[in-house]
Structures are given as structure tokens and as C-alpha cells.
């Protein structure tokens, strides 16, 4: 299964810059989580959002090029393989002005019961919402 892409644009602000005068690696990680959360909230039903939470099991991030202050960043994410207990999510981070790939990531997410914090199985209808 593979979902359609979800995109959002974020600006690079002064707080994102590190000692090397480019985006700190932790900012890329934050953006990966932010776009995943925005995608979930844009597509999942209110009931699903109230009952299902998410925790990260694994991040794999490849850094390709730096971003700098003033850049507008295009965040693009989609779900790859979605099972009842894990969702594989891909993220591309690109500079909006020229489309240059700055970073790409693969994250493995585990659904949890929002009330108990314990892993839970995701119903087929929720998986279908994120697949093409």
C-alpha cells in the first residue's frame, strides 16, 4: 500500500540555524514529525484521531544538502507499507525555490491506544484512508 502525497511549506527561521550557519539536524527531525502529524490530522476521522496515537519505532534520515535562513521548505510525506501494527512513512524535504532535495527519511510508526499508551491494531478502514 502507498498513500497519496501530503505537502506543507515551512519557513527557515533564525532559531533553526546552528553553529555551521545552516539548519540543525534536529530541525529536520521536527519537520518530519510535524508533516506526519499534519497528514494524519488532515485525513483521519475525528474518532480515529481521538482513539489512535502514534509513537516512532525508527527513523532513517539521509541529509543531502543544507538549508539556510530565509529558505522556504517543502515537506512531502506519504505512507508506504501499512500493517495493523506499523505504518512505514516516507518524507522528502526540499527547498521550495529550486526543488533541491535536502533530506529524505523513512520512519516506522506504531499505533497506540490514545488512552492507555499501549500498542494497538489499526482497522483496515484507517489503513485504506492512507492508501491509494
Protein backbone atom coordinates (compact mmCIF):
# COMPACT_ATOMS: atom_id res chain seq x y z
CA UNK A 1 0.00 0.00 0.00
CA UNK A 2 1.14 3.53 -0.67
CA UNK A 3 -0.78 6.70 0.09
CA UNK A 4 -1.04 9.85 -1.89
CA UNK A 5 1.41 12.59 -1.03
CA UNK A 6 0.69 15.26 1.56
CA UNK A 7 2.60 18.54 1.42
CA UNK A 8 3.15 21.64 3.51
CA UNK A 9 5.58 24.55 3.38
CA UNK A 10 7.57 25.87 6.35
CA UNK A 11 9.99 28.78 6.60
CA UNK A 12 13.53 28.54 7.93
CA UNK A 13 13.73 30.86 10.94
CA UNK A 14 16.69 32.06 13.00
CA UNK A 15 16.05 29.50 15.77
CA UNK A 16 16.55 26.69 13.20
CA UNK A 17 20.16 27.69 12.44
CA UNK A 18 23.15 26.01 14.12
CA UNK A 19 26.83 26.87 14.58
CA UNK A 20 27.59 25.91 10.96
CA UNK A 21 25.09 28.55 9.80
CA UNK A 22 22.62 26.06 8.36
CA UNK A 23 19.63 24.08 9.60
CA UNK A 24 20.34 21.92 12.62
CA UNK A 25 19.69 18.19 12.11
CA UNK A 26 17.13 18.19 14.92
CA UNK A 27 15.03 20.65 12.93
CA UNK A 28 14.75 18.15 10.07
CA UNK A 29 13.54 15.57 12.60
CA UNK A 30 10.95 18.04 13.94
CA UNK A 31 9.74 18.76 10.41
CA UNK A 32 9.39 15.01 9.73
CA UNK A 33 7.14 14.70 12.76
CA UNK A 34 5.23 17.91 12.00
CA UNK A 35 4.32 16.89 8.44
CA UNK A 36 3.34 13.36 9.58
CA UNK A 37 1.07 14.84 12.25
CA UNK A 38 -0.48 17.31 9.79
CA UNK A 39 -1.11 14.49 7.30
CA UNK A 40 -2.79 12.36 9.99
CA UNK A 41 -4.99 15.27 11.12
CA UNK A 42 -5.96 16.18 7.54
CA UNK A 43 -7.13 12.68 6.61
CA UNK A 44 -8.07 10.65 9.70
CA UNK A 45 -11.57 10.85 11.11
CA UNK A 46 -12.18 12.65 14.39
CA UNK A 47 -12.90 9.26 16.01
CA UNK A 48 -9.60 7.81 14.75
CA UNK A 49 -7.71 10.88 16.00
CA UNK A 50 -9.33 10.55 19.43
CA UNK A 51 -8.54 6.85 19.80
CA UNK A 52 -5.23 6.34 17.96
CA UNK A 53 -1.91 7.89 18.92
CA UNK A 54 1.47 7.28 17.32
CA UNK A 55 4.98 6.54 18.53
CA UNK A 56 8.14 6.29 16.46
CA UNK A 57 9.94 2.97 16.37
CA UNK A 58 12.69 4.01 13.96
CA UNK A 59 13.95 7.00 11.94
CA UNK A 60 16.33 6.70 8.99
CA UNK A 61 17.40 10.12 7.68
CA UNK A 62 19.72 10.95 4.81
CA UNK A 63 20.97 14.53 4.65
CA UNK A 64 21.70 15.67 1.09
CA UNK A 65 22.18 19.46 1.18
CA UNK A 66 21.88 22.28 3.71
CA UNK A 67 19.05 24.76 4.06
CA UNK A 68 19.74 28.31 5.22
CA UNK A 69 17.95 31.21 6.84
CA UNK A 70 15.17 32.59 4.68
CA UNK A 71 14.60 29.41 2.65
CA UNK A 72 11.05 28.15 2.24
CA UNK A 73 10.97 24.39 2.71
CA UNK A 74 8.56 21.96 1.06
CA UNK A 75 7.77 18.96 3.26
CA UNK A 76 6.25 15.98 1.41
CA UNK A 77 5.15 12.76 3.11
CA UNK A 78 3.31 9.58 2.26
CA UNK A 79 2.63 6.20 3.82
CA UNK A 80 4.33 3.14 2.37
CA UNK A 81 3.53 -0.27 3.81
CA UNK A 82 0.76 -0.06 6.40
CA UNK A 83 0.05 -3.10 8.53
CA UNK A 84 -2.19 -3.39 11.54
CA UNK A 85 0.74 -2.68 13.87
CA UNK A 86 3.15 -0.48 11.89
CA UNK A 87 2.99 2.29 9.33
CA UNK A 88 6.02 2.98 7.16
CA UNK A 89 6.17 6.69 6.30
CA UNK A 90 8.44 8.45 3.85
CA UNK A 91 9.34 12.14 3.92
CA UNK A 92 11.16 14.36 1.45
CA UNK A 93 12.42 17.78 2.45
CA UNK A 94 13.08 20.12 -0.47
CA UNK A 95 13.98 23.77 -0.94
CA UNK A 96 10.86 25.26 -2.49
CA UNK A 97 12.65 27.79 -4.72
CA UNK A 98 14.61 25.24 -6.76
CA UNK A 99 13.15 21.86 -5.69
CA UNK A 100 16.54 20.64 -4.49
CA UNK A 101 16.32 17.56 -2.26
CA UNK A 102 17.75 18.47 1.15
CA UNK A 103 16.83 15.37 3.10
CA UNK A 104 14.84 12.17 2.85
CA UNK A 105 13.60 9.93 5.60
CA UNK A 106 11.91 6.64 6.31
CA UNK A 107 10.12 6.37 9.65
CA UNK A 108 8.41 3.38 11.18
CA UNK A 109 5.43 4.40 13.31
CA UNK A 110 3.47 2.22 15.73
CA UNK A 111 -0.18 3.00 16.52
CA UNK A 112 -1.04 3.19 20.20
CA UNK A 113 -4.26 3.44 22.13
CA UNK A 114 -4.54 7.16 22.94
CA UNK A 115 -5.92 6.44 26.42
CA UNK A 116 -3.64 3.60 27.56
CA UNK A 117 -0.49 4.27 25.52
CA UNK A 118 -0.31 0.58 24.59
CA UNK A 119 0.23 -0.62 21.01
CA UNK A 120 -2.99 -1.30 19.15
CA UNK A 121 -4.06 -2.69 15.82
CA UNK A 122 -5.33 -0.24 13.23
CA UNK A 123 -8.55 -1.16 11.47
CA UNK A 124 -8.50 -1.82 7.73
CA UNK A 125 -10.63 1.26 7.05
CA UNK A 126 -7.99 3.54 8.63
CA UNK A 127 -5.22 1.88 6.60
CA UNK A 128 -7.34 2.30 3.47
CA UNK A 129 -7.68 6.06 4.08
CA UNK A 130 -3.92 6.39 3.71
CA UNK A 131 -3.51 4.09 0.71
CA UNK A 132 -4.04 4.82 -2.98
